[in-house]
Each structure stands twice: as structure tokens, then as C-alpha cells.
Amino acid sequence: MKGVLLINLGTPEEPTAQAVRRYLGAFLSDRRVIQMNPIFWQPILHGMIMPFRGPRSAKLYQKIWTDEGSPLLTITKAQAEQLQTLLPEQRVRFAMSYSQPSIENELTAMTQAGVDDLTILPAYPQYSTTTVASVLDSVHRFYLHQQSSPTLHLISSYCHEPAYLDALANNIKNQLEKHPVEHLVFSYHGIPESYAQQGDPYAKECTDTTAGVVARLNPTVQVSQSYQSQFGPSQWLQPSTHQTLVDLAQGGTRSVAVITPSFIADCLETISEIGIENRGYFEDAGGTELVRIKPVNEDPAFVSALRDIVVVNQRR
């Protein structure tokens, strides 16, 4: 039996300081995410970051929480259900790297269901050691302790796949037709510059994504690319989304749209960071309208693209 496991980052179980600290502890202890010796990093994490960031992030989560729970969790679940409908003869499930349902539990369920041909589909169109490599580490670590493993198809990147780029471009086009603007910003989740210097191809894949979408849109407005979600004092990929929006506003741009192509589901970074925090930066600098273009979320065209990507990889 064939199976597909869609894996996203994770989310706190509830918007409380305790739950957020628990989630951050798991996320920020991943050596792929924070490439610092744990002897030095763990005291910083537990003594300085989690005590303060937990309550602050909890307040932000409370603003975006829905009746169904975390947007990231509910959207990822819906995407898996849609993909299951498109792949009726396969078993489709979803997992989270740093929260529930866990990768280990879902891989166990796949084994118990008799899946012997498994496709791992990370929810990250662009490859990075901080995201995709961490997912693959978890999968390999699980099977390292099993007596047998299925035939594995590991999808490490799909930012060049035409079906994905078509779905992303159409999503942007549809939303811009409703809200015309002067400038379009492609805002990607950032990574430390040192990771890129060590060979992480993420920045190039982000640039390739932007180029692929722009070629399809042929926009009449100006386009910029930037990086958001900087964490810690180290130098991250530039330019920052915050500074890009401030510079645009100060330069006379009054309306912008921001798309976040590294996210396939709405979450704190898209709803709060872009829709609230960065909107504030733009307006404080003189801008009047920031349109947050939602990620592809439950767009049927995007889920169909995922189906095509899965099927192609299963044939390889």
C-alpha cells in the first residue's frame, strides 16, 4: 500500500505561555535550527529566551487562534484531507515536527496500516537544512530503530515544479485583482547568513521561486524580495521585510501587497508578523495600505499540484 505523510513545522497546543514554552523548547533545541553547541545554547534557551518569549508569543497566538484551534494545524489537516480525496487508493496523513501529531506516531500508524511505499512531503517548497533536512533526519531516525522500512520517496524541494508555481501565481493574481497595489513584496522566512555561506541552498531557491512566479504573472507593478522572522543577534539573509516596507513607504509607495511563498499555510508568521506587525511598520513610515496575500492554504489548485508532485516522485 502507498502512503503520503505531509509534515509541517508545528504549533503550540493552546495559546498559553506554558504551551508556547513547551513548543519553543522542542523547536529551538533542534540542532538543524540552531547550529550552536548545546552546552552554550541550552542555558541561553532555558534561562533567557523561553521565560520571556513564551508569554509574549502566547499573547500573539491568542490574537490569531480560532474556534478550531491553531490556523497552522487546522489548515494542514484540511490539506491532508483534500489530498486524501485526490489519492483515494493511498493512505494520506499529516504530522508536525515539534508538536502533535508527531512524526514518530504517524510513521508508526503508517506501518500498522500496512504502508510499504511511503512518500514524505515536507510542507516547505524551498529546501533548507533548518526545515526539510530536519524532517528527513526525523524520518531516518525513526526507521533506524525499526526492523524494516518501506520504500521511501523523500521530496526535498518542489519550488521549481510548474504545478506549484502555477498555483502560487494564480493565488497572487486572484487576490491582486481584488486589491490592486503599487508594489508586490515576496517575503520569505529567513535563515542565518552563515547557514547560506556553509552551503544551504535556501536563498537561491527563494530567488528561483520569485522568478518563476513573476514570469507567470508578468506584473505591471514593481517587485521586491525580502526575508522575515529574524531571530537572535546574528546576521540573517537580507534585505529584511521590515526594512523593505519602511524604505518603500519612505520612498513614496503608498500601497503594497505581501506574499509569503515559503509558507503553504497561514500561521503566526503570516497572520501576525505580516498582517499586524509589518503593516504597522509600513503605515508608521507613511504607507496607507498593506494587502496581506494569504498563502495557498486550502486552494484546490495547490492541493492538486501536491498530488501531481507526489505521483511524479512515486514513479521515480
C-alpha atoms as a PDB file:
ATOM      1  CA  MET A   1       0.000   0.000   0.000  1.00  0.00           C
ATOM      2  CA  LYS A   2       1.212   3.505  -0.808  1.00  0.00           C
ATOM      3  CA  GLY A   3       1.128   6.308   1.700  1.00  0.00           C
ATOM      4  CA  VAL A   4       1.858  10.033   1.912  1.00  0.00           C
ATOM      5  CA  LEU A   5       2.896  11.929   5.026  1.00  0.00           C
ATOM      6  CA  LEU A   6       2.605  15.727   4.864  1.00  0.00           C
ATOM      7  CA  ILE A   7       4.866  17.249   7.526  1.00  0.00           C
ATOM      8  CA  ASN A   8       4.713  20.836   8.767  1.00  0.00           C
ATOM      9  CA  LEU A   9       6.652  22.635  11.490  1.00  0.00           C
ATOM     10  CA  GLY A  10       4.309  22.545  14.461  1.00  0.00           C
ATOM     11  CA  THR A  11       2.315  24.779  16.771  1.00  0.00           C
ATOM     12  CA  PRO A  12       1.564  25.177  20.474  1.00  0.00           C
ATOM     13  CA  GLU A  13      -1.322  23.013  21.668  1.00  0.00           C
ATOM     14  CA  GLU A  14      -3.012  26.090  23.105  1.00  0.00           C
ATOM     15  CA  PRO A  15      -2.262  29.821  23.245  1.00  0.00           C
ATOM     16  CA  THR A  16      -0.806  29.818  26.752  1.00  0.00           C
ATOM     17  CA  ALA A  17       2.671  30.704  27.951  1.00  0.00           C
ATOM     18  CA  GLN A  18       3.264  27.163  29.216  1.00  0.00           C
ATOM     19  CA  ALA A  19       2.254  25.551  25.917  1.00  0.00           C
ATOM     20  CA  VAL A  20       4.295  28.031  23.890  1.00  0.00           C
ATOM     21  CA  ARG A  21       7.367  27.433  26.038  1.00  0.00           C
ATOM     22  CA  ARG A  22       6.957  23.684  25.562  1.00  0.00           C
ATOM     23  CA  TYR A  23       6.727  24.127  21.792  1.00  0.00           C
ATOM     24  CA  LEU A  24       9.659  26.542  21.620  1.00  0.00           C
ATOM     25  CA  GLY A  25      11.752  24.196  23.747  1.00  0.00           C
ATOM     26  CA  ALA A  26      11.326  21.417  21.195  1.00  0.00           C
ATOM     27  CA  PHE A  27      11.708  23.654  18.145  1.00  0.00           C
ATOM     28  CA  LEU A  28      14.731  25.637  19.304  1.00  0.00           C
ATOM     29  CA  SER A  29      16.543  22.552  20.620  1.00  0.00           C
ATOM     30  CA  ASP A  30      16.795  21.111  17.102  1.00  0.00           C
ATOM     31  CA  ARG A  31      20.464  21.237  16.069  1.00  0.00           C
ATOM     32  CA  ARG A  32      19.369  21.852  12.478  1.00  0.00           C
ATOM     33  CA  VAL A  33      17.546  25.006  13.535  1.00  0.00           C
ATOM     34  CA  ILE A  34      20.094  26.386  15.993  1.00  0.00           C
ATOM     35  CA  GLN A  35      23.546  25.274  14.911  1.00  0.00           C
ATOM     36  CA  MET A  36      25.253  26.108  18.175  1.00  0.00           C
ATOM     37  CA  ASN A  37      26.866  23.763  20.674  1.00  0.00           C
ATOM     38  CA  PRO A  38      24.076  22.751  23.118  1.00  0.00           C
ATOM     39  CA  ILE A  39      26.444  23.308  26.045  1.00  0.00           C
ATOM     40  CA  PHE A  40      26.286  27.016  25.301  1.00  0.00           C
ATOM     41  CA  TRP A  41      22.836  27.220  23.693  1.00  0.00           C
ATOM     42  CA  GLN A  42      20.644  25.368  26.181  1.00  0.00           C
ATOM     43  CA  PRO A  43      21.342  27.708  29.133  1.00  0.00           C
ATOM     44  CA  ILE A  44      20.511  30.662  26.871  1.00  0.00           C
ATOM     45  CA  LEU A  45      17.344  28.971  25.624  1.00  0.00           C
ATOM     46  CA  HIS A  46      16.012  27.956  29.031  1.00  0.00           C
ATOM     47  CA  GLY A  47      17.376  30.885  31.038  1.00  0.00           C
ATOM     48  CA  MET A  48      16.807  33.837  28.740  1.00  0.00           C
ATOM     49  CA  ILE A  49      14.622  33.050  25.724  1.00  0.00           C
ATOM     50  CA  MET A  50      11.807  30.772  26.851  1.00  0.00           C
ATOM     51  CA  PRO A  51      10.917  32.646  30.081  1.00  0.00           C
ATOM     52  CA  PHE A  52      10.365  35.900  28.156  1.00  0.00           C
ATOM     53  CA  ARG A  53       9.419  34.768  24.653  1.00  0.00           C
ATOM     54  CA  GLY A  54       6.826  32.268  25.927  1.00  0.00           C
ATOM     55  CA  PRO A  55       4.415  34.816  27.464  1.00  0.00           C
ATOM     56  CA  ARG A  56       4.999  37.330  24.660  1.00  0.00           C
ATOM     57  CA  SER A  57       4.338  34.786  21.902  1.00  0.00           C
ATOM     58  CA  ALA A  58       1.314  33.429  23.774  1.00  0.00           C
ATOM     59  CA  LYS A  59      -0.354  36.851  23.539  1.00  0.00           C
ATOM     60  CA  LEU A  60       0.267  36.868  19.779  1.00  0.00           C
ATOM     61  CA  TYR A  61      -1.150  33.361  19.388  1.00  0.00           C
ATOM     62  CA  GLN A  62      -4.251  34.401  21.309  1.00  0.00           C
ATOM     63  CA  LYS A  63      -4.952  37.027  18.630  1.00  0.00           C
ATOM     64  CA  ILE A  64      -4.883  34.521  15.758  1.00  0.00           C
ATOM     65  CA  TRP A  65      -6.410  31.478  17.492  1.00  0.00           C
ATOM     66  CA  THR A  66      -9.696  30.276  16.026  1.00  0.00           C
ATOM     67  CA  ASP A  67     -12.567  28.201  17.401  1.00  0.00           C
ATOM     68  CA  GLU A  68     -10.969  25.179  15.693  1.00  0.00           C
ATOM     69  CA  GLY A  69      -7.543  25.934  17.191  1.00  0.00           C
ATOM     70  CA  SER A  70      -4.245  26.915  15.631  1.00  0.00           C
ATOM     71  CA  PRO A  71      -4.605  28.022  11.976  1.00  0.00           C
ATOM     72  CA  LEU A  72      -1.474  26.080  11.013  1.00  0.00           C
ATOM     73  CA  LEU A  73      -2.855  22.864  12.464  1.00  0.00           C
ATOM     74  CA  THR A  74      -6.363  23.170  11.033  1.00  0.00           C
ATOM     75  CA  ILE A  75      -5.158  24.150   7.557  1.00  0.00           C
ATOM     76  CA  THR A  76      -2.537  21.394   7.401  1.00  0.00           C
ATOM     77  CA  LYS A  77      -5.169  18.878   8.469  1.00  0.00           C
ATOM     78  CA  ALA A  78      -7.519  20.149   5.745  1.00  0.00           C
ATOM     79  CA  GLN A  79      -4.759  19.940   3.132  1.00  0.00           C
ATOM     80  CA  ALA A  80      -4.107  16.306   4.072  1.00  0.00           C
ATOM     81  CA  GLU A  81      -7.823  15.523   3.859  1.00  0.00           C
ATOM     82  CA  GLN A  82      -8.052  17.151   0.425  1.00  0.00           C
ATOM     83  CA  LEU A  83      -5.001  15.227  -0.728  1.00  0.00           C
ATOM     84  CA  GLN A  84      -6.566  12.013   0.554  1.00  0.00           C
ATOM     85  CA  THR A  85      -9.605  12.689  -1.632  1.00  0.00           C
ATOM     86  CA  LEU A  86      -7.335  13.106  -4.663  1.00  0.00           C
ATOM     87  CA  LEU A  87      -5.384   9.946  -3.815  1.00  0.00           C
ATOM     88  CA  PRO A  88      -8.169   7.572  -2.726  1.00  0.00           C
ATOM     89  CA  GLU A  89      -6.100   4.406  -3.087  1.00  0.00           C
ATOM     90  CA  GLN A  90      -3.334   5.718  -0.844  1.00  0.00           C
ATOM     91  CA  ARG A  91      -3.189   6.477   2.857  1.00  0.00           C
ATOM     92  CA  VAL A  92      -2.599  10.196   3.486  1.00  0.00           C
ATOM     93  CA  ARG A  93      -1.801  11.591   6.924  1.00  0.00           C
ATOM     94  CA  PHE A  94      -0.093  14.662   8.340  1.00  0.00           C
ATOM     95  CA  ALA A  95       2.410  15.247  11.128  1.00  0.00           C
ATOM     96  CA  MET A  96       4.233  18.056  12.906  1.00  0.00           C
ATOM     97  CA  SER A  97       7.952  18.198  13.619  1.00  0.00           C
ATOM     98  CA  TYR A  98       7.654  19.812  17.046  1.00  0.00           C
ATOM     99  CA  SER A  99       4.095  19.144  18.191  1.00  0.00           C
ATOM    100  CA  GLN A 100       1.233  16.696  17.790  1.00  0.00           C
ATOM    101  CA  PRO A 101       0.534  14.635  15.785  1.00  0.00           C
ATOM    102  CA  SER A 102       4.197  13.682  15.924  1.00  0.00           C
ATOM    103  CA  ILE A 103       6.235  12.258  13.063  1.00  0.00           C
ATOM    104  CA  GLU A 104       7.032   9.147  15.105  1.00  0.00           C
ATOM    105  CA  ASN A 105       3.384   8.418  15.881  1.00  0.00           C
ATOM    106  CA  GLU A 106       2.265   8.944  12.300  1.00  0.00           C
ATOM    107  CA  LEU A 107       5.034   6.758  10.880  1.00  0.00           C
ATOM    108  CA  THR A 108       4.013   4.071  13.357  1.00  0.00           C
ATOM    109  CA  ALA A 109       0.410   4.379  12.166  1.00  0.00           C
ATOM    110  CA  MET A 110       1.587   4.041   8.562  1.00  0.00           C
ATOM    111  CA  THR A 111       3.433   0.833   9.414  1.00  0.00           C
ATOM    112  CA  GLN A 112       0.440  -0.581  11.264  1.00  0.00           C
ATOM    113  CA  ALA A 113      -1.785   0.209   8.278  1.00  0.00           C
ATOM    114  CA  GLY A 114       0.473  -1.836   6.005  1.00  0.00           C
ATOM    115  CA  VAL A 115       2.058   1.042   4.066  1.00  0.00           C
ATOM    116  CA  ASP A 116       5.150  -0.310   2.298  1.00  0.00           C
ATOM    117  CA  ASP A 117       5.695   2.571  -0.144  1.00  0.00           C
ATOM    118  CA  LEU A 118       5.825   5.936   1.618  1.00  0.00           C
ATOM    119  CA  THR A 119       6.224   9.462   0.285  1.00  0.00           C
ATOM    120  CA  ILE A 120       7.486  12.109   2.706  1.00  0.00           C
ATOM    121  CA  LEU A 121       6.153  15.524   1.714  1.00  0.00           C
ATOM    122  CA  PRO A 122       7.589  18.390   3.804  1.00  0.00           C
ATOM    123  CA  ALA A 123       5.387  21.489   3.809  1.00  0.00           C
ATOM    124  CA  TYR A 124       8.295  23.611   2.595  1.00  0.00           C
ATOM    125  CA  PRO A 125       8.531  24.377  -1.135  1.00  0.00           C
ATOM    126  CA  GLN A 126      12.127  25.607  -0.763  1.00  0.00           C
ATOM    127  CA  TYR A 127      14.803  23.351   0.707  1.00  0.00           C
ATOM    128  CA  SER A 128      16.683  24.412   3.811  1.00  0.00           C
ATOM    129  CA  THR A 129      18.713  22.484   6.351  1.00  0.00           C
ATOM    130  CA  THR A 130      16.592  24.186   9.031  1.00  0.00           C
ATOM    131  CA  THR A 131      13.340  22.698   7.757  1.00  0.00           C
ATOM    132  CA  VAL A 132      13.468  19.920   5.161  1.00  0.00           C
ATOM    133  CA  ALA A 133      16.729  18.392   6.414  1.00  0.00           C
ATOM    134  CA  SER A 134      15.299  18.296   9.929  1.00  0.00           C
ATOM    135  CA  VAL A 135      12.211  16.436   8.661  1.00  0.00           C
ATOM    136  CA  LEU A 136      14.326  13.886   6.830  1.00  0.00           C
ATOM    137  CA  ASP A 137      16.516  13.461   9.929  1.00  0.00           C
ATOM    138  CA  SER A 138      13.421  12.570  11.951  1.00  0.00           C
ATOM    139  CA  VAL A 139      12.217  10.061   9.364  1.00  0.00           C
ATOM    140  CA  HIS A 140      15.586   8.333   9.102  1.00  0.00           C
ATOM    141  CA  ARG A 141      15.958   8.328  12.892  1.00  0.00           C
ATOM    142  CA  PHE A 142      12.627   6.545  13.216  1.00  0.00           C
ATOM    143  CA  TYR A 143      13.476   3.789  10.746  1.00  0.00           C
ATOM    144  CA  LEU A 144      16.951   3.375  12.213  1.00  0.00           C
ATOM    145  CA  HIS A 145      15.254   1.610  15.121  1.00  0.00           C
ATOM    146  CA  GLN A 146      12.791  -0.457  13.082  1.00  0.00           C
ATOM    147  CA  GLN A 147      13.264  -3.986  11.797  1.00  0.00           C
ATOM    148  CA  SER A 148      12.132  -2.947   8.318  1.00  0.00           C
ATOM    149  CA  SER A 149      11.255   0.187   6.408  1.00  0.00           C
ATOM    150  CA  PRO A 150       9.042   0.952   3.414  1.00  0.00           C
ATOM    151  CA  THR A 151      10.265   2.144   0.063  1.00  0.00           C
ATOM    152  CA  LEU A 152      10.804   5.834   0.773  1.00  0.00           C
ATOM    153  CA  HIS A 153      10.270   8.752  -1.597  1.00  0.00           C
ATOM    154  CA  LEU A 154      11.709  11.882   0.004  1.00  0.00           C
ATOM    155  CA  ILE A 155      10.576  15.136  -1.583  1.00  0.00           C
ATOM    156  CA  SER A 156      13.213  17.666  -0.595  1.00  0.00           C
ATOM    157  CA  SER A 157      12.010  20.616  -2.702  1.00  0.00           C
ATOM    158  CA  TYR A 158       9.281  21.482  -5.143  1.00  0.00           C
ATOM    159  CA  CYS A 159       9.803  25.189  -5.758  1.00  0.00           C
ATOM    160  CA  HIS A 160      10.675  24.514  -9.410  1.00  0.00           C
ATOM    161  CA  GLU A 161       7.628  22.357 -10.128  1.00  0.00           C
ATOM    162  CA  PRO A 162       5.401  24.073 -12.733  1.00  0.00           C
ATOM    163  CA  ALA A 163       2.184  22.984 -10.999  1.00  0.00           C
ATOM    164  CA  TYR A 164       3.270  24.595  -7.728  1.00  0.00           C
ATOM    165  CA  LEU A 165       4.400  27.811  -9.424  1.00  0.00           C
ATOM    166  CA  ASP A 166       1.138  27.957 -11.424  1.00  0.00           C
ATOM    167  CA  ALA A 167      -0.937  27.603  -8.242  1.00  0.00           C
ATOM    168  CA  LEU A 168       1.098  30.237  -6.394  1.00  0.00           C
ATOM    169  CA  ALA A 169       0.940  32.676  -9.314  1.00  0.00           C
ATOM    170  CA  ASN A 170      -2.817  32.226  -9.686  1.00  0.00           C
ATOM    171  CA  ASN A 171      -3.305  32.752  -5.956  1.00  0.00           C
ATOM    172  CA  ILE A 172      -1.456  36.061  -6.153  1.00  0.00           C
ATOM    173  CA  LYS A 173      -3.237  37.134  -9.334  1.00  0.00           C
ATOM    174  CA  ASN A 174      -6.690  36.426  -7.909  1.00  0.00           C
ATOM    175  CA  GLN A 175      -6.023  38.417  -4.762  1.00  0.00           C
ATOM    176  CA  LEU A 176      -4.367  41.340  -6.576  1.00  0.00           C
ATOM    177  CA  GLU A 177      -7.343  41.647  -8.901  1.00  0.00           C
ATOM    178  CA  LYS A 178      -9.454  42.365  -5.823  1.00  0.00           C
ATOM    179  CA  HIS A 179      -6.861  44.683  -4.246  1.00  0.00           C
ATOM    180  CA  PRO A 180      -4.653  46.484  -6.805  1.00  0.00           C
ATOM    181  CA  VAL A 181      -1.417  47.898  -5.355  1.00  0.00           C
ATOM    182  CA  GLU A 182       1.710  49.749  -6.443  1.00  0.00           C
ATOM    183  CA  HIS A 183       4.286  47.203  -5.275  1.00  0.00           C
ATOM    184  CA  LEU A 184       4.474  43.439  -4.649  1.00  0.00           C
ATOM    185  CA  VAL A 185       6.809  42.068  -1.965  1.00  0.00           C
ATOM    186  CA  PHE A 186       7.839  38.403  -1.832  1.00  0.00           C
ATOM    187  CA  SER A 187       8.626  37.819   1.852  1.00  0.00           C
ATOM    188  CA  TYR A 188      10.330  34.523   2.757  1.00  0.00           C
ATOM    189  CA  HIS A 189      11.152  33.152   6.183  1.00  0.00           C
ATOM    190  CA  GLY A 190      14.779  33.988   6.814  1.00  0.00           C
ATOM    191  CA  ILE A 191      17.747  31.882   7.892  1.00  0.00           C
ATOM    192  CA  PRO A 192      21.110  32.993   9.303  1.00  0.00           C
ATOM    193  CA  GLU A 193      23.511  34.219   6.635  1.00  0.00           C
ATOM    194  CA  SER A 194      26.145  31.811   7.969  1.00  0.00           C
ATOM    195  CA  TYR A 195      23.960  28.836   7.035  1.00  0.00           C
ATOM    196  CA  ALA A 196      23.810  30.048   3.440  1.00  0.00           C
ATOM    197  CA  GLN A 197      27.568  30.593   3.397  1.00  0.00           C
ATOM    198  CA  GLN A 198      28.019  26.986   4.514  1.00  0.00           C
ATOM    199  CA  GLY A 199      26.046  25.736   1.504  1.00  0.00           C
ATOM    200  CA  ASP A 200      22.346  25.876   2.405  1.00  0.00           C
ATOM    201  CA  PRO A 201      20.646  26.467  -0.993  1.00  0.00           C
ATOM    202  CA  TYR A 202      17.567  28.100   0.501  1.00  0.00           C
ATOM    203  CA  ALA A 203      18.269  31.668  -0.666  1.00  0.00           C
ATOM    204  CA  LYS A 204      18.738  30.549  -4.267  1.00  0.00           C
ATOM    205  CA  GLU A 205      15.531  28.520  -4.171  1.00  0.00           C
ATOM    206  CA  CYS A 206      13.658  31.548  -2.839  1.00  0.00           C
ATOM    207  CA  THR A 207      15.007  33.660  -5.695  1.00  0.00           C
ATOM    208  CA  ASP A 208      14.090  30.927  -8.164  1.00  0.00           C
ATOM    209  CA  THR A 209      10.548  30.848  -6.764  1.00  0.00           C
ATOM    210  CA  THR A 210      10.160  34.585  -7.153  1.00  0.00           C
ATOM    211  CA  ALA A 211      11.473  34.443 -10.723  1.00  0.00           C
ATOM    212  CA  GLY A 212       9.157  31.568 -11.627  1.00  0.00           C
ATOM    213  CA  VAL A 213       6.094  33.345 -10.282  1.00  0.00           C
ATOM    214  CA  VAL A 214       6.971  36.728 -11.798  1.00  0.00           C
ATOM    215  CA  ALA A 215       7.433  35.069 -15.200  1.00  0.00           C
ATOM    216  CA  ARG A 216       3.887  33.732 -14.925  1.00  0.00           C
ATOM    217  CA  LEU A 217       2.348  36.928 -13.571  1.00  0.00           C
ATOM    218  CA  ASN A 218       4.183  39.408 -15.795  1.00  0.00           C
ATOM    219  CA  PRO A 219       3.169  42.071 -13.260  1.00  0.00           C
ATOM    220  CA  THR A 220       2.872  45.739 -14.144  1.00  0.00           C
ATOM    221  CA  VAL A 221       3.922  46.739 -10.607  1.00  0.00           C
ATOM    222  CA  GLN A 222       7.371  46.772  -9.054  1.00  0.00           C
ATOM    223  CA  VAL A 223       8.535  43.601  -7.261  1.00  0.00           C
ATOM    224  CA  SER A 224      10.863  43.128  -4.280  1.00  0.00           C
ATOM    225  CA  GLN A 225      12.151  40.080  -2.409  1.00  0.00           C
ATOM    226  CA  SER A 226      12.893  40.097   1.317  1.00  0.00           C
ATOM    227  CA  TYR A 227      13.210  37.893   4.398  1.00  0.00           C
ATOM    228  CA  GLN A 228      11.253  37.940   7.648  1.00  0.00           C
ATOM    229  CA  SER A 229      11.205  36.317  11.096  1.00  0.00           C
ATOM    230  CA  GLN A 230      14.765  37.099  12.134  1.00  0.00           C
ATOM    231  CA  PHE A 231      15.668  35.549  15.470  1.00  0.00           C
ATOM    232  CA  GLY A 232      18.673  36.378  17.635  1.00  0.00           C
ATOM    233  CA  PRO A 233      21.621  38.738  17.150  1.00  0.00           C
ATOM    234  CA  SER A 234      23.349  37.026  14.205  1.00  0.00           C
ATOM    235  CA  GLN A 235      23.220  38.346  10.644  1.00  0.00           C
ATOM    236  CA  TRP A 236      20.319  36.877   8.656  1.00  0.00           C
ATOM    237  CA  LEU A 237      19.541  36.911   4.960  1.00  0.00           C
ATOM    238  CA  GLN A 238      18.917  40.418   3.684  1.00  0.00           C
ATOM    239  CA  PRO A 239      17.073  42.598   2.979  1.00  0.00           C
ATOM    240  CA  SER A 240      14.643  42.285   5.854  1.00  0.00           C
ATOM    241  CA  THR A 241      10.924  42.593   5.165  1.00  0.00           C
ATOM    242  CA  HIS A 242      10.609  45.186   7.906  1.00  0.00           C
ATOM    243  CA  GLN A 243      13.237  47.465   6.350  1.00  0.00           C
ATOM    244  CA  THR A 244      11.970  46.852   2.824  1.00  0.00           C
ATOM    245  CA  LEU A 245       8.480  48.051   3.756  1.00  0.00           C
ATOM    246  CA  VAL A 246       9.823  51.082   5.614  1.00  0.00           C
ATOM    247  CA  ASP A 247      12.030  52.024   2.660  1.00  0.00           C
ATOM    248  CA  LEU A 248       9.122  51.665   0.223  1.00  0.00           C
ATOM    249  CA  ALA A 249       6.849  53.861   2.330  1.00  0.00           C
ATOM    250  CA  GLN A 250       9.517  56.495   2.844  1.00  0.00           C
ATOM    251  CA  GLY A 251      10.190  56.434  -0.895  1.00  0.00           C
ATOM    252  CA  GLY A 252       6.596  57.346  -1.683  1.00  0.00           C
ATOM    253  CA  THR A 253       4.943  53.947  -2.183  1.00  0.00           C
ATOM    254  CA  ARG A 254       1.516  54.069  -0.607  1.00  0.00           C
ATOM    255  CA  SER A 255       0.135  50.581  -1.289  1.00  0.00           C
ATOM    256  CA  VAL A 256       1.916  47.221  -1.206  1.00  0.00           C
ATOM    257  CA  ALA A 257       0.943  43.569  -1.269  1.00  0.00           C
ATOM    258  CA  VAL A 258       2.997  40.976   0.610  1.00  0.00           C
ATOM    259  CA  ILE A 259       3.056  37.301  -0.328  1.00  0.00           C
ATOM    260  CA  THR A 260       4.828  34.685   1.828  1.00  0.00           C
ATOM    261  CA  PRO A 261       5.771  31.822  -0.538  1.00  0.00           C
ATOM    262  CA  SER A 262       7.766  29.792   1.984  1.00  0.00           C
ATOM    263  CA  PHE A 263       4.558  29.174   3.946  1.00  0.00           C
ATOM    264  CA  ILE A 264       1.836  26.947   2.482  1.00  0.00           C
ATOM    265  CA  ALA A 265      -0.477  27.513   5.454  1.00  0.00           C
ATOM    266  CA  ASP A 266      -1.378  30.578   7.470  1.00  0.00           C
ATOM    267  CA  CYS A 267       0.362  30.790  10.835  1.00  0.00           C
ATOM    268  CA  LEU A 268       1.738  33.299  13.339  1.00  0.00           C
ATOM    269  CA  GLU A 269       4.388  34.492  10.869  1.00  0.00           C
ATOM    270  CA  THR A 270       1.886  35.273   8.124  1.00  0.00           C
ATOM    271  CA  ILE A 271      -1.154  36.497  10.059  1.00  0.00           C
ATOM    272  CA  SER A 272       0.519  38.363  12.915  1.00  0.00           C
ATOM    273  CA  GLU A 273       4.018  39.210  11.733  1.00  0.00           C
ATOM    274  CA  ILE A 274       2.978  40.375   8.258  1.00  0.00           C
ATOM    275  CA  GLY A 275      -0.665  41.298   8.759  1.00  0.00           C
ATOM    276  CA  ILE A 276      -0.230  43.202  12.018  1.00  0.00           C
ATOM    277  CA  GLU A 277       3.405  43.924  12.914  1.00  0.00           C
ATOM    278  CA  ASN A 278       4.772  44.732   9.454  1.00  0.00           C
ATOM    279  CA  ARG A 279       1.581  46.525   8.456  1.00  0.00           C
ATOM    280  CA  GLY A 280       2.298  48.801  11.396  1.00  0.00           C
ATOM    281  CA  TYR A 281       5.865  49.444  10.238  1.00  0.00           C
ATOM    282  CA  PHE A 282       4.637  50.310   6.739  1.00  0.00           C
ATOM    283  CA  GLU A 283       1.900  52.665   7.915  1.00  0.00           C
ATOM    284  CA  ASP A 284       4.120  54.346  10.513  1.00  0.00           C
ATOM    285  CA  ALA A 285       6.607  55.122   7.718  1.00  0.00           C
ATOM    286  CA  GLY A 286       3.924  56.762   5.561  1.00  0.00           C
ATOM    287  CA  GLY A 287       2.258  53.885   3.716  1.00  0.00           C
ATOM    288  CA  THR A 288      -1.512  53.714   3.589  1.00  0.00           C
ATOM    289  CA  GLU A 289      -2.411  50.158   2.521  1.00  0.00           C
ATOM    290  CA  LEU A 290      -0.738  46.791   3.032  1.00  0.00           C
ATOM    291  CA  VAL A 291      -2.538  43.837   1.462  1.00  0.00           C
ATOM    292  CA  ARG A 292      -1.567  40.525   3.024  1.00  0.00           C
ATOM    293  CA  ILE A 293      -1.889  37.916   0.304  1.00  0.00           C
ATOM    294  CA  LYS A 294      -2.813  34.694   2.061  1.00  0.00           C
ATOM    295  CA  PRO A 295      -0.735  31.569   1.453  1.00  0.00           C
ATOM    296  CA  VAL A 296      -2.143  28.881  -0.840  1.00  0.00           C
ATOM    297  CA  ASN A 297      -3.789  27.264   2.212  1.00  0.00           C
ATOM    298  CA  GLU A 298      -6.675  25.043   1.048  1.00  0.00           C
ATOM    299  CA  ASP A 299      -6.658  26.228  -2.578  1.00  0.00           C
ATOM    300  CA  PRO A 300      -7.778  23.197  -4.641  1.00  0.00           C
ATOM    301  CA  ALA A 301      -5.280  24.095  -7.385  1.00  0.00           C
ATOM    302  CA  PHE A 302      -2.434  23.930  -4.878  1.00  0.00           C
ATOM    303  CA  VAL A 303      -3.546  20.607  -3.403  1.00  0.00           C
ATOM    304  CA  SER A 304      -3.853  19.249  -6.951  1.00  0.00           C
ATOM    305  CA  ALA A 305      -0.274  20.413  -7.510  1.00  0.00           C
ATOM    306  CA  LEU A 306       0.800  18.481  -4.413  1.00  0.00           C
ATOM    307  CA  ARG A 307      -0.963  15.407  -5.797  1.00  0.00           C
ATOM    308  CA  ASP A 308       0.931  15.736  -9.075  1.00  0.00           C
ATOM    309  CA  ILE A 309       4.249  16.215  -7.269  1.00  0.00           C
ATOM    310  CA  VAL A 310       3.627  13.112  -5.149  1.00  0.00           C
ATOM    311  CA  VAL A 311       2.668  10.930  -8.117  1.00  0.00           C
ATOM    312  CA  VAL A 312       5.687  12.007 -10.152  1.00  0.00           C
ATOM    313  CA  ASN A 313       8.058  11.287  -7.268  1.00  0.00           C
ATOM    314  CA  GLN A 314       6.484   7.880  -6.637  1.00  0.00           C
ATOM    315  CA  ARG A 315       7.328   6.890 -10.214  1.00  0.00           C
ATOM    316  CA  ARG A 316      10.999   7.738  -9.878  1.00  0.00           C
END
